[in-house]
Amino acid sequence: MREMRKRPREPEAPAERYETIRHFITALLEEQTLTARDISVYARITEKDVNDHLAHIKKTVRKNNGHFIVEPARCEHCNFVFRKRGRLTKPGKCPSCHSTLIRAPMFHISS
């Protein structure tokens, strides 16, 4: 019998981009308020990469006299608001009720 060999697939070409990822994320956040997960879907990058980019975008926006607005994370169980949290990532659990049902922080840029 003749053995069939599968030809290796050629890698797919990445989506064409006419601007940097950070410019793309900045443009998204100027139009609407989004979570890191929403941004990762639009930009087709991982959520961890989004959080790294957001930290840099935050500095850049401030430098250009814009406003990087963070709507803080909130516990869905007891409504605890993470106001003093400096990190842009979603917390693991609520310090008040220890629930893991946390709504992620949302981001927006205004001039």
PDB file of N, CA and C in Angstrom:
ATOM      1  N   MET A   1       0.813  -1.186   0.000  1.00  0.00           N
ATOM      2  CA  MET A   1       0.000   0.000   0.000  1.00  0.00           C
ATOM      3  C   MET A   1       0.861   1.256   0.000  1.00  0.00           C
ATOM      4  N   ARG A   2       0.311   2.212  -0.612  1.00  0.00           N
ATOM      5  CA  ARG A   2       1.025   3.478  -0.731  1.00  0.00           C
ATOM      6  C   ARG A   2       0.771   4.337   0.509  1.00  0.00           C
ATOM      7  N   GLU A   3       1.822   4.845   1.081  1.00  0.00           N
ATOM      8  CA  GLU A   3       1.703   5.661   2.292  1.00  0.00           C
ATOM      9  C   GLU A   3       1.527   7.122   1.903  1.00  0.00           C
ATOM     10  N   MET A   4       0.512   7.750   2.469  1.00  0.00           N
ATOM     11  CA  MET A   4       0.226   9.157   2.164  1.00  0.00           C
ATOM     12  C   MET A   4       0.920  10.032   3.211  1.00  0.00           C
ATOM     13  N   ARG A   5       1.707  10.927   2.746  1.00  0.00           N
ATOM     14  CA  ARG A   5       2.361  11.873   3.651  1.00  0.00           C
ATOM     15  C   ARG A   5       1.636  13.200   3.573  1.00  0.00           C
ATOM     16  N   LYS A   6       1.426  13.766   4.735  1.00  0.00           N
ATOM     17  CA  LYS A   6       0.789  15.080   4.767  1.00  0.00           C
ATOM     18  C   LYS A   6       1.848  16.149   4.576  1.00  0.00           C
ATOM     19  N   ARG A   7       1.546  17.028   3.692  1.00  0.00           N
ATOM     20  CA  ARG A   7       2.441  18.144   3.455  1.00  0.00           C
ATOM     21  C   ARG A   7       2.275  19.150   4.592  1.00  0.00           C
ATOM     22  N   PRO A   8       3.360  19.649   5.145  1.00  0.00           N
ATOM     23  CA  PRO A   8       3.218  20.621   6.238  1.00  0.00           C
ATOM     24  C   PRO A   8       2.495  21.870   5.760  1.00  0.00           C
ATOM     25  N   ARG A   9       1.634  22.354   6.627  1.00  0.00           N
ATOM     26  CA  ARG A   9       0.877  23.567   6.296  1.00  0.00           C
ATOM     27  C   ARG A   9       1.792  24.779   6.323  1.00  0.00           C
ATOM     28  N   GLU A  10       1.547  25.648   5.401  1.00  0.00           N
ATOM     29  CA  GLU A  10       2.292  26.897   5.397  1.00  0.00           C
ATOM     30  C   GLU A  10       1.702  27.814   6.451  1.00  0.00           C
ATOM     31  N   PRO A  11       2.546  28.549   7.153  1.00  0.00           N
ATOM     32  CA  PRO A  11       2.012  29.448   8.176  1.00  0.00           C
ATOM     33  C   PRO A  11       1.132  30.525   7.548  1.00  0.00           C
ATOM     34  N   GLU A  12       0.094  30.868   8.282  1.00  0.00           N
ATOM     35  CA  GLU A  12      -0.811  31.906   7.808  1.00  0.00           C
ATOM     36  C   GLU A  12      -0.139  33.267   7.923  1.00  0.00           C
ATOM     37  N   ALA A  13      -0.401  34.111   6.983  1.00  0.00           N
ATOM     38  CA  ALA A  13       0.154  35.465   7.027  1.00  0.00           C
ATOM     39  C   ALA A  13      -0.558  36.258   8.111  1.00  0.00           C
ATOM     40  N   PRO A  14       0.167  37.030   8.884  1.00  0.00           N
ATOM     41  CA  PRO A  14      -0.491  37.839   9.914  1.00  0.00           C
ATOM     42  C   PRO A  14      -1.376  38.900   9.281  1.00  0.00           C
ATOM     43  N   ALA A  15      -2.351  39.332  10.050  1.00  0.00           N
ATOM     44  CA  ALA A  15      -3.264  40.371   9.558  1.00  0.00           C
ATOM     45  C   ALA A  15      -2.465  41.646   9.276  1.00  0.00           C
ATOM     46  N   GLU A  16      -2.790  42.300   8.177  1.00  0.00           N
ATOM     47  CA  GLU A  16      -2.087  43.530   7.835  1.00  0.00           C
ATOM     48  C   GLU A  16      -2.447  44.618   8.832  1.00  0.00           C
ATOM     49  N   ARG A  17      -1.440  45.334   9.260  1.00  0.00           N
ATOM     50  CA  ARG A  17      -1.663  46.426  10.196  1.00  0.00           C
ATOM     51  C   ARG A  17      -1.024  47.667   9.620  1.00  0.00           C
ATOM     52  N   TYR A  18      -1.725  48.755   9.702  1.00  0.00           N
ATOM     53  CA  TYR A  18      -1.226  50.001   9.166  1.00  0.00           C
ATOM     54  C   TYR A  18      -0.739  50.930  10.273  1.00  0.00           C
ATOM     55  N   GLU A  19      -0.778  50.437  11.502  1.00  0.00           N
ATOM     56  CA  GLU A  19      -0.324  51.218  12.636  1.00  0.00           C
ATOM     57  C   GLU A  19       0.173  50.244  13.691  1.00  0.00           C
ATOM     58  N   THR A  20       0.782  50.749  14.733  1.00  0.00           N
ATOM     59  CA  THR A  20       1.274  49.865  15.787  1.00  0.00           C
ATOM     60  C   THR A  20       0.102  49.372  16.632  1.00  0.00           C
ATOM     61  N   ILE A  21       0.366  48.340  17.406  1.00  0.00           N
ATOM     62  CA  ILE A  21      -0.660  47.793  18.309  1.00  0.00           C
ATOM     63  C   ILE A  21      -1.107  48.869  19.287  1.00  0.00           C
ATOM     64  N   ARG A  22      -0.158  49.627  19.811  1.00  0.00           N
ATOM     65  CA  ARG A  22      -0.512  50.658  20.800  1.00  0.00           C
ATOM     66  C   ARG A  22      -1.351  51.762  20.189  1.00  0.00           C
ATOM     67  N   HIS A  23      -1.072  52.138  18.945  1.00  0.00           N
ATOM     68  CA  HIS A  23      -1.924  53.130  18.279  1.00  0.00           C
ATOM     69  C   HIS A  23      -3.324  52.574  18.082  1.00  0.00           C
ATOM     70  N   PHE A  24      -3.401  51.295  17.722  1.00  0.00           N
ATOM     71  CA  PHE A  24      -4.693  50.655  17.513  1.00  0.00           C
ATOM     72  C   PHE A  24      -5.497  50.611  18.814  1.00  0.00           C
ATOM     73  N   ILE A  25      -4.843  50.220  19.915  1.00  0.00           N
ATOM     74  CA  ILE A  25      -5.528  50.156  21.214  1.00  0.00           C
ATOM     75  C   ILE A  25      -5.953  51.553  21.662  1.00  0.00           C
ATOM     76  N   THR A  26      -5.087  52.542  21.458  1.00  0.00           N
ATOM     77  CA  THR A  26      -5.418  53.926  21.827  1.00  0.00           C
ATOM     78  C   THR A  26      -6.642  54.404  21.056  1.00  0.00           C
ATOM     79  N   ALA A  27      -6.684  54.104  19.761  1.00  0.00           N
ATOM     80  CA  ALA A  27      -7.835  54.508  18.944  1.00  0.00           C
ATOM     81  C   ALA A  27      -9.110  53.816  19.431  1.00  0.00           C
ATOM     82  N   LEU A  28      -9.009  52.553  19.797  1.00  0.00           N
ATOM     83  CA  LEU A  28     -10.176  51.834  20.329  1.00  0.00           C
ATOM     84  C   LEU A  28     -10.693  52.490  21.603  1.00  0.00           C
ATOM     85  N   LEU A  29      -9.761  52.824  22.500  1.00  0.00           N
ATOM     86  CA  LEU A  29     -10.159  53.383  23.794  1.00  0.00           C
ATOM     87  C   LEU A  29     -10.642  54.820  23.694  1.00  0.00           C
ATOM     88  N   GLU A  30     -10.278  55.516  22.639  1.00  0.00           N
ATOM     89  CA  GLU A  30     -10.814  56.863  22.435  1.00  0.00           C
ATOM     90  C   GLU A  30     -12.260  56.800  21.976  1.00  0.00           C
ATOM     91  N   GLU A  31     -12.642  55.711  21.333  1.00  0.00           N
ATOM     92  CA  GLU A  31     -14.007  55.546  20.823  1.00  0.00           C
ATOM     93  C   GLU A  31     -14.965  54.948  21.844  1.00  0.00           C
ATOM     94  N   GLN A  32     -14.464  54.012  22.675  1.00  0.00           N
ATOM     95  CA  GLN A  32     -15.367  53.302  23.580  1.00  0.00           C
ATOM     96  C   GLN A  32     -14.637  52.835  24.838  1.00  0.00           C
ATOM     97  N   THR A  33     -15.400  52.435  25.836  1.00  0.00           N
ATOM     98  CA  THR A  33     -14.859  51.911  27.079  1.00  0.00           C
ATOM     99  C   THR A  33     -14.827  50.393  26.976  1.00  0.00           C
ATOM    100  N   LEU A  34     -13.645  49.804  27.221  1.00  0.00           N
ATOM    101  CA  LEU A  34     -13.464  48.374  27.031  1.00  0.00           C
ATOM    102  C   LEU A  34     -12.672  47.747  28.169  1.00  0.00           C
ATOM    103  N   THR A  35     -12.842  46.436  28.354  1.00  0.00           N
ATOM    104  CA  THR A  35     -12.014  45.672  29.279  1.00  0.00           C
ATOM    105  C   THR A  35     -10.787  45.170  28.524  1.00  0.00           C
ATOM    106  N   ALA A  36      -9.822  44.659  29.267  1.00  0.00           N
ATOM    107  CA  ALA A  36      -8.616  44.103  28.636  1.00  0.00           C
ATOM    108  C   ALA A  36      -8.976  42.923  27.737  1.00  0.00           C
ATOM    109  N   ARG A  37      -9.945  42.137  28.138  1.00  0.00           N
ATOM    110  CA  ARG A  37     -10.368  40.994  27.320  1.00  0.00           C
ATOM    111  C   ARG A  37     -10.982  41.462  26.001  1.00  0.00           C
ATOM    112  N   ASP A  38     -11.812  42.506  26.065  1.00  0.00           N
ATOM    113  CA  ASP A  38     -12.412  43.052  24.837  1.00  0.00           C
ATOM    114  C   ASP A  38     -11.325  43.554  23.885  1.00  0.00           C
ATOM    115  N   ILE A  39     -10.342  44.245  24.444  1.00  0.00           N
ATOM    116  CA  ILE A  39      -9.252  44.768  23.630  1.00  0.00           C
ATOM    117  C   ILE A  39      -8.474  43.622  22.991  1.00  0.00           C
ATOM    118  N   SER A  40      -8.245  42.549  23.751  1.00  0.00           N
ATOM    119  CA  SER A  40      -7.489  41.413  23.215  1.00  0.00           C
ATOM    120  C   SER A  40      -8.211  40.770  22.038  1.00  0.00           C
ATOM    121  N   VAL A  41      -9.544  40.773  22.072  1.00  0.00           N
ATOM    122  CA  VAL A  41     -10.319  40.222  20.952  1.00  0.00           C
ATOM    123  C   VAL A  41     -10.181  41.106  19.725  1.00  0.00           C
ATOM    124  N   TYR A  42     -10.317  42.414  19.913  1.00  0.00           N
ATOM    125  CA  TYR A  42     -10.209  43.347  18.787  1.00  0.00           C
ATOM    126  C   TYR A  42      -8.806  43.334  18.174  1.00  0.00           C
ATOM    127  N   ALA A  43      -7.779  43.350  19.030  1.00  0.00           N
ATOM    128  CA  ALA A  43      -6.401  43.461  18.556  1.00  0.00           C
ATOM    129  C   ALA A  43      -5.778  42.112  18.198  1.00  0.00           C
ATOM    130  N   ARG A  44      -6.458  41.045  18.533  1.00  0.00           N
ATOM    131  CA  ARG A  44      -5.973  39.674  18.272  1.00  0.00           C
ATOM    132  C   ARG A  44      -4.624  39.403  18.919  1.00  0.00           C
ATOM    133  N   ILE A  45      -4.504  39.819  20.190  1.00  0.00           N
ATOM    134  CA  ILE A  45      -3.323  39.521  20.984  1.00  0.00           C
ATOM    135  C   ILE A  45      -3.795  38.990  22.334  1.00  0.00           C
ATOM    136  N   THR A  46      -2.884  38.453  23.133  1.00  0.00           N
ATOM    137  CA  THR A  46      -3.273  37.883  24.415  1.00  0.00           C
ATOM    138  C   THR A  46      -3.630  38.983  25.415  1.00  0.00           C
ATOM    139  N   GLU A  47      -4.405  38.592  26.399  1.00  0.00           N
ATOM    140  CA  GLU A  47      -4.818  39.553  27.426  1.00  0.00           C
ATOM    141  C   GLU A  47      -3.612  40.048  28.221  1.00  0.00           C
ATOM    142  N   LYS A  48      -2.632  39.185  28.435  1.00  0.00           N
ATOM    143  CA  LYS A  48      -1.420  39.582  29.147  1.00  0.00           C
ATOM    144  C   LYS A  48      -0.672  40.661  28.365  1.00  0.00           C
ATOM    145  N   ASP A  49      -0.594  40.500  27.046  1.00  0.00           N
ATOM    146  CA  ASP A  49       0.057  41.521  26.217  1.00  0.00           C
ATOM    147  C   ASP A  49      -0.707  42.837  26.264  1.00  0.00           C
ATOM    148  N   VAL A  50      -2.030  42.757  26.310  1.00  0.00           N
ATOM    149  CA  VAL A  50      -2.856  43.973  26.397  1.00  0.00           C
ATOM    150  C   VAL A  50      -2.506  44.742  27.663  1.00  0.00           C
ATOM    151  N   ASN A  51      -2.384  44.033  28.790  1.00  0.00           N
ATOM    152  CA  ASN A  51      -2.076  44.704  30.058  1.00  0.00           C
ATOM    153  C   ASN A  51      -0.708  45.384  30.016  1.00  0.00           C
ATOM    154  N   ASP A  52       0.264  44.761  29.349  1.00  0.00           N
ATOM    155  CA  ASP A  52       1.577  45.390  29.190  1.00  0.00           C
ATOM    156  C   ASP A  52       1.474  46.666  28.348  1.00  0.00           C
ATOM    157  N   HIS A  53       0.710  46.595  27.259  1.00  0.00           N
ATOM    158  CA  HIS A  53       0.529  47.757  26.390  1.00  0.00           C
ATOM    159  C   HIS A  53      -0.229  48.870  27.113  1.00  0.00           C
ATOM    160  N   LEU A  54      -1.231  48.509  27.920  1.00  0.00           N
ATOM    161  CA  LEU A  54      -2.023  49.519  28.632  1.00  0.00           C
ATOM    162  C   LEU A  54      -1.166  50.336  29.589  1.00  0.00           C
ATOM    163  N   ALA A  55      -0.213  49.680  30.253  1.00  0.00           N
ATOM    164  CA  ALA A  55       0.670  50.405  31.172  1.00  0.00           C
ATOM    165  C   ALA A  55       1.465  51.467  30.417  1.00  0.00           C
ATOM    166  N   HIS A  56       1.939  51.138  29.240  1.00  0.00           N
ATOM    167  CA  HIS A  56       2.702  52.098  28.435  1.00  0.00           C
ATOM    168  C   HIS A  56       1.798  53.189  27.873  1.00  0.00           C
ATOM    169  N   ILE A  57       0.608  52.793  27.417  1.00  0.00           N
ATOM    170  CA  ILE A  57      -0.341  53.764  26.862  1.00  0.00           C
ATOM    171  C   ILE A  57      -0.747  54.778  27.929  1.00  0.00           C
ATOM    172  N   LYS A  58      -0.903  54.300  29.156  1.00  0.00           N
ATOM    173  CA  LYS A  58      -1.281  55.182  30.262  1.00  0.00           C
ATOM    174  C   LYS A  58      -0.251  56.307  30.429  1.00  0.00           C
ATOM    175  N   LYS A  59       1.038  55.956  30.376  1.00  0.00           N
ATOM    176  CA  LYS A  59       2.092  56.962  30.500  1.00  0.00           C
ATOM    177  C   LYS A  59       2.084  57.928  29.315  1.00  0.00           C
ATOM    178  N   THR A  60       1.912  57.391  28.126  1.00  0.00           N
ATOM    179  CA  THR A  60       1.929  58.208  26.917  1.00  0.00           C
ATOM    180  C   THR A  60       0.771  59.196  26.887  1.00  0.00           C
ATOM    181  N   VAL A  61      -0.404  58.741  27.279  1.00  0.00           N
ATOM    182  CA  VAL A  61      -1.592  59.601  27.278  1.00  0.00           C
ATOM    183  C   VAL A  61      -1.407  60.745  28.266  1.00  0.00           C
ATOM    184  N   ARG A  62      -0.883  60.440  29.447  1.00  0.00           N
ATOM    185  CA  ARG A  62      -0.643  61.495  30.438  1.00  0.00           C
ATOM    186  C   ARG A  62       0.366  62.513  29.929  1.00  0.00           C
ATOM    187  N   LYS A  63       1.405  62.007  29.262  1.00  0.00           N
ATOM    188  CA  LYS A  63       2.447  62.886  28.728  1.00  0.00           C
ATOM    189  C   LYS A  63       1.890  63.845  27.679  1.00  0.00           C
ATOM    190  N   ASN A  64       0.875  63.403  26.941  1.00  0.00           N
ATOM    191  CA  ASN A  64       0.245  64.218  25.897  1.00  0.00           C
ATOM    192  C   ASN A  64      -0.983  64.974  26.410  1.00  0.00           C
ATOM    193  N   ASN A  65      -1.075  65.143  27.726  1.00  0.00           N
ATOM    194  CA  ASN A  65      -2.158  65.883  28.388  1.00  0.00           C
ATOM    195  C   ASN A  65      -3.544  65.284  28.147  1.00  0.00           C
ATOM    196  N   GLY A  66      -3.611  63.999  27.955  1.00  0.00           N
ATOM    197  CA  GLY A  66      -4.893  63.310  27.846  1.00  0.00           C
ATOM    198  C   GLY A  66      -5.258  62.689  29.185  1.00  0.00           C
ATOM    199  N   HIS A  67      -6.389  62.017  29.214  1.00  0.00           N
ATOM    200  CA  HIS A  67      -6.855  61.374  30.445  1.00  0.00           C
ATOM    201  C   HIS A  67      -7.093  59.897  30.177  1.00  0.00           C
ATOM    202  N   PHE A  68      -6.343  59.049  30.894  1.00  0.00           N
ATOM    203  CA  PHE A  68      -6.524  57.606  30.824  1.00  0.00           C
ATOM    204  C   PHE A  68      -7.431  57.250  31.993  1.00  0.00           C
ATOM    205  N   ILE A  69      -8.670  56.915  31.696  1.00  0.00           N
ATOM    206  CA  ILE A  69      -9.675  56.684  32.731  1.00  0.00           C
ATOM    207  C   ILE A  69      -9.824  55.189  32.976  1.00  0.00           C
ATOM    208  N   VAL A  70      -9.698  54.804  34.243  1.00  0.00           N
ATOM    209  CA  VAL A  70      -9.869  53.407  34.628  1.00  0.00           C
ATOM    210  C   VAL A  70     -11.107  53.307  35.502  1.00  0.00           C
ATOM    211  N   GLU A  71     -12.106  52.595  35.024  1.00  0.00           N
ATOM    212  CA  GLU A  71     -13.269  52.290  35.850  1.00  0.00           C
ATOM    213  C   GLU A  71     -12.875  51.057  36.659  1.00  0.00           C
ATOM    214  N   PRO A  72     -12.749  51.187  37.994  1.00  0.00           N
ATOM    215  CA  PRO A  72     -12.167  50.106  38.781  1.00  0.00           C
ATOM    216  C   PRO A  72     -12.981  48.807  38.749  1.00  0.00           C
ATOM    217  N   ALA A  73     -12.266  47.726  39.059  1.00  0.00           N
ATOM    218  CA  ALA A  73     -12.916  46.415  39.154  1.00  0.00           C
ATOM    219  C   ALA A  73     -13.911  46.443  40.311  1.00  0.00           C
ATOM    220  N   ARG A  74     -14.918  45.577  40.223  1.00  0.00           N
ATOM    221  CA  ARG A  74     -15.968  45.539  41.245  1.00  0.00           C
ATOM    222  C   ARG A  74     -16.359  44.096  41.511  1.00  0.00           C
ATOM    223  N   CYS A  75     -16.589  43.773  42.779  1.00  0.00           N
ATOM    224  CA  CYS A  75     -17.059  42.438  43.152  1.00  0.00           C
ATOM    225  C   CYS A  75     -18.544  42.339  42.815  1.00  0.00           C
ATOM    226  N   GLU A  76     -18.903  41.323  42.065  1.00  0.00           N
ATOM    227  CA  GLU A  76     -20.308  41.136  41.674  1.00  0.00           C
ATOM    228  C   GLU A  76     -21.146  40.609  42.841  1.00  0.00           C
ATOM    229  N   HIS A  77     -20.491  40.066  43.854  1.00  0.00           N
ATOM    230  CA  HIS A  77     -21.217  39.466  44.982  1.00  0.00           C
ATOM    231  C   HIS A  77     -21.598  40.504  46.041  1.00  0.00           C
ATOM    232  N   CYS A  78     -20.608  41.329  46.459  1.00  0.00           N
ATOM    233  CA  CYS A  78     -20.872  42.293  47.539  1.00  0.00           C
ATOM    234  C   CYS A  78     -20.728  43.749  47.097  1.00  0.00           C
ATOM    235  N   ASN A  79     -20.423  43.998  45.821  1.00  0.00           N
ATOM    236  CA  ASN A  79     -20.257  45.342  45.250  1.00  0.00           C
ATOM    237  C   ASN A  79     -19.057  46.113  45.802  1.00  0.00           C
ATOM    238  N   PHE A  80     -18.062  45.401  46.328  1.00  0.00           N
ATOM    239  CA  PHE A  80     -16.835  46.052  46.765  1.00  0.00           C
ATOM    240  C   PHE A  80     -16.130  46.626  45.534  1.00  0.00           C
ATOM    241  N   VAL A  81     -15.681  47.885  45.615  1.00  0.00           N
ATOM    242  CA  VAL A  81     -15.012  48.538  44.497  1.00  0.00           C
ATOM    243  C   VAL A  81     -13.522  48.644  44.816  1.00  0.00           C
ATOM    244  N   PHE A  82     -12.673  48.201  43.889  1.00  0.00           N
ATOM    245  CA  PHE A  82     -11.223  48.212  44.053  1.00  0.00           C
ATOM    246  C   PHE A  82     -10.684  49.580  43.638  1.00  0.00           C
ATOM    247  N   ARG A  83     -10.965  50.630  44.410  1.00  0.00           N
ATOM    248  CA  ARG A  83     -10.595  51.998  44.052  1.00  0.00           C
ATOM    249  C   ARG A  83      -9.099  52.255  44.128  1.00  0.00           C
ATOM    250  N   LYS A  84      -8.437  51.705  45.133  1.00  0.00           N
ATOM    251  CA  LYS A  84      -7.025  52.018  45.370  1.00  0.00           C
ATOM    252  C   LYS A  84      -6.072  51.077  44.648  1.00  0.00           C
ATOM    253  N   ARG A  85      -6.582  50.197  43.827  1.00  0.00           N
ATOM    254  CA  ARG A  85      -5.733  49.231  43.135  1.00  0.00           C
ATOM    255  C   ARG A  85      -4.938  49.941  42.037  1.00  0.00           C
ATOM    256  N   GLY A  86      -3.621  49.848  42.100  1.00  0.00           N
ATOM    257  CA  GLY A  86      -2.760  50.498  41.126  1.00  0.00           C
ATOM    258  C   GLY A  86      -2.562  49.686  39.863  1.00  0.00           C
ATOM    259  N   ARG A  87      -2.677  48.371  39.968  1.00  0.00           N
ATOM    260  CA  ARG A  87      -2.470  47.510  38.803  1.00  0.00           C
ATOM    261  C   ARG A  87      -3.675  47.560  37.873  1.00  0.00           C
ATOM    262  N   LEU A  88      -3.421  47.345  36.605  1.00  0.00           N
ATOM    263  CA  LEU A  88      -4.489  47.409  35.605  1.00  0.00           C
ATOM    264  C   LEU A  88      -5.137  46.046  35.364  1.00  0.00           C
ATOM    265  N   THR A  89      -4.633  45.010  36.019  1.00  0.00           N
ATOM    266  CA  THR A  89      -5.166  43.666  35.827  1.00  0.00           C
ATOM    267  C   THR A  89      -6.375  43.423  36.725  1.00  0.00           C
ATOM    268  N   LYS A  90      -7.129  42.382  36.399  1.00  0.00           N
ATOM    269  CA  LYS A  90      -8.302  41.995  37.186  1.00  0.00           C
ATOM    270  C   LYS A  90      -7.841  41.300  38.466  1.00  0.00           C
ATOM    271  N   PRO A  91      -8.393  41.690  39.630  1.00  0.00           N
ATOM    272  CA  PRO A  91      -8.015  41.029  40.874  1.00  0.00           C
ATOM    273  C   PRO A  91      -8.510  39.582  40.906  1.00  0.00           C
ATOM    274  N   GLY A  92      -7.863  38.759  41.711  1.00  0.00           N
ATOM    275  CA  GLY A  92      -8.232  37.351  41.805  1.00  0.00           C
ATOM    276  C   GLY A  92      -9.469  37.110  42.640  1.00  0.00           C
ATOM    277  N   LYS A  93      -9.554  37.786  43.801  1.00  0.00           N
ATOM    278  CA  LYS A  93     -10.727  37.611  44.658  1.00  0.00           C
ATOM    279  C   LYS A  93     -10.969  38.865  45.485  1.00  0.00           C
ATOM    280  N   CYS A  94     -12.162  38.963  45.989  1.00  0.00           N
ATOM    281  CA  CYS A  94     -12.580  40.120  46.782  1.00  0.00           C
ATOM    282  C   CYS A  94     -11.990  40.028  48.192  1.00  0.00           C
ATOM    283  N   PRO A  95     -11.389  41.117  48.709  1.00  0.00           N
ATOM    284  CA  PRO A  95     -10.860  41.082  50.071  1.00  0.00           C
ATOM    285  C   PRO A  95     -11.964  41.113  51.130  1.00  0.00           C
ATOM    286  N   SER A  96     -13.138  41.521  50.742  1.00  0.00           N
ATOM    287  CA  SER A  96     -14.246  41.638  51.681  1.00  0.00           C
ATOM    288  C   SER A  96     -14.989  40.314  51.870  1.00  0.00           C
ATOM    289  N   CYS A  97     -15.459  39.721  50.764  1.00  0.00           N
ATOM    290  CA  CYS A  97     -16.274  38.498  50.866  1.00  0.00           C
ATOM    291  C   CYS A  97     -15.568  37.264  50.306  1.00  0.00           C
ATOM    292  N   HIS A  98     -14.363  37.434  49.758  1.00  0.00           N
ATOM    293  CA  HIS A  98     -13.548  36.355  49.185  1.00  0.00           C
ATOM    294  C   HIS A  98     -14.178  35.689  47.965  1.00  0.00           C
ATOM    295  N   SER A  99     -15.103  36.361  47.332  1.00  0.00           N
ATOM    296  CA  SER A  99     -15.711  35.838  46.114  1.00  0.00           C
ATOM    297  C   SER A  99     -14.742  36.026  44.948  1.00  0.00           C
ATOM    298  N   THR A 100     -14.796  35.122  43.990  1.00  0.00           N
ATOM    299  CA  THR A 100     -13.959  35.246  42.800  1.00  0.00           C
ATOM    300  C   THR A 100     -14.748  35.797  41.613  1.00  0.00           C
ATOM    301  N   LEU A 101     -15.983  36.173  41.848  1.00  0.00           N
ATOM    302  CA  LEU A 101     -16.826  36.729  40.790  1.00  0.00           C
ATOM    303  C   LEU A 101     -16.579  38.239  40.723  1.00  0.00           C
ATOM    304  N   ILE A 102     -15.538  38.616  39.971  1.00  0.00           N
ATOM    305  CA  ILE A 102     -15.088  40.007  39.898  1.00  0.00           C
ATOM    306  C   ILE A 102     -15.300  40.537  38.482  1.00  0.00           C
ATOM    307  N   ARG A 103     -15.901  41.709  38.373  1.00  0.00           N
ATOM    308  CA  ARG A 103     -16.021  42.370  37.073  1.00  0.00           C
ATOM    309  C   ARG A 103     -14.707  43.085  36.789  1.00  0.00           C
ATOM    310  N   ALA A 104     -14.158  42.861  35.627  1.00  0.00           N
ATOM    311  CA  ALA A 104     -12.846  43.405  35.258  1.00  0.00           C
ATOM    312  C   ALA A 104     -12.886  44.929  35.149  1.00  0.00           C
ATOM    313  N   PRO A 105     -11.731  45.581  35.360  1.00  0.00           N
ATOM    314  CA  PRO A 105     -11.684  47.034  35.177  1.00  0.00           C
ATOM    315  C   PRO A 105     -11.900  47.389  33.709  1.00  0.00           C
ATOM    316  N   MET A 106     -12.448  48.580  33.486  1.00  0.00           N
ATOM    317  CA  MET A 106     -12.711  49.044  32.123  1.00  0.00           C
ATOM    318  C   MET A 106     -11.877  50.302  31.889  1.00  0.00           C
ATOM    319  N   PHE A 107     -11.477  50.504  30.626  1.00  0.00           N
ATOM    320  CA  PHE A 107     -10.556  51.576  30.284  1.00  0.00           C
ATOM    321  C   PHE A 107     -11.133  52.466  29.202  1.00  0.00           C
ATOM    322  N   HIS A 108     -10.778  53.766  29.295  1.00  0.00           N
ATOM    323  CA  HIS A 108     -11.227  54.735  28.308  1.00  0.00           C
ATOM    324  C   HIS A 108     -10.201  55.865  28.250  1.00  0.00           C
ATOM    325  N   ILE A 109     -10.082  56.490  27.092  1.00  0.00           N
ATOM    326  CA  ILE A 109      -9.175  57.630  26.936  1.00  0.00           C
ATOM    327  C   ILE A 109      -9.988  58.831  26.477  1.00  0.00           C
ATOM    328  N   SER A 110      -9.814  59.949  27.184  1.00  0.00           N
ATOM    329  CA  SER A 110     -10.452  61.194  26.746  1.00  0.00           C
ATOM    330  C   SER A 110      -9.387  62.278  26.671  1.00  0.00           C
ATOM    331  N   SER A 111      -9.626  63.247  25.840  1.00  0.00           N
ATOM    332  CA  SER A 111      -8.624  64.309  25.671  1.00  0.00           C
ATOM    333  C   SER A 111      -8.939  65.512  26.507  1.00  0.00           C
TER     334      SER A 111
END
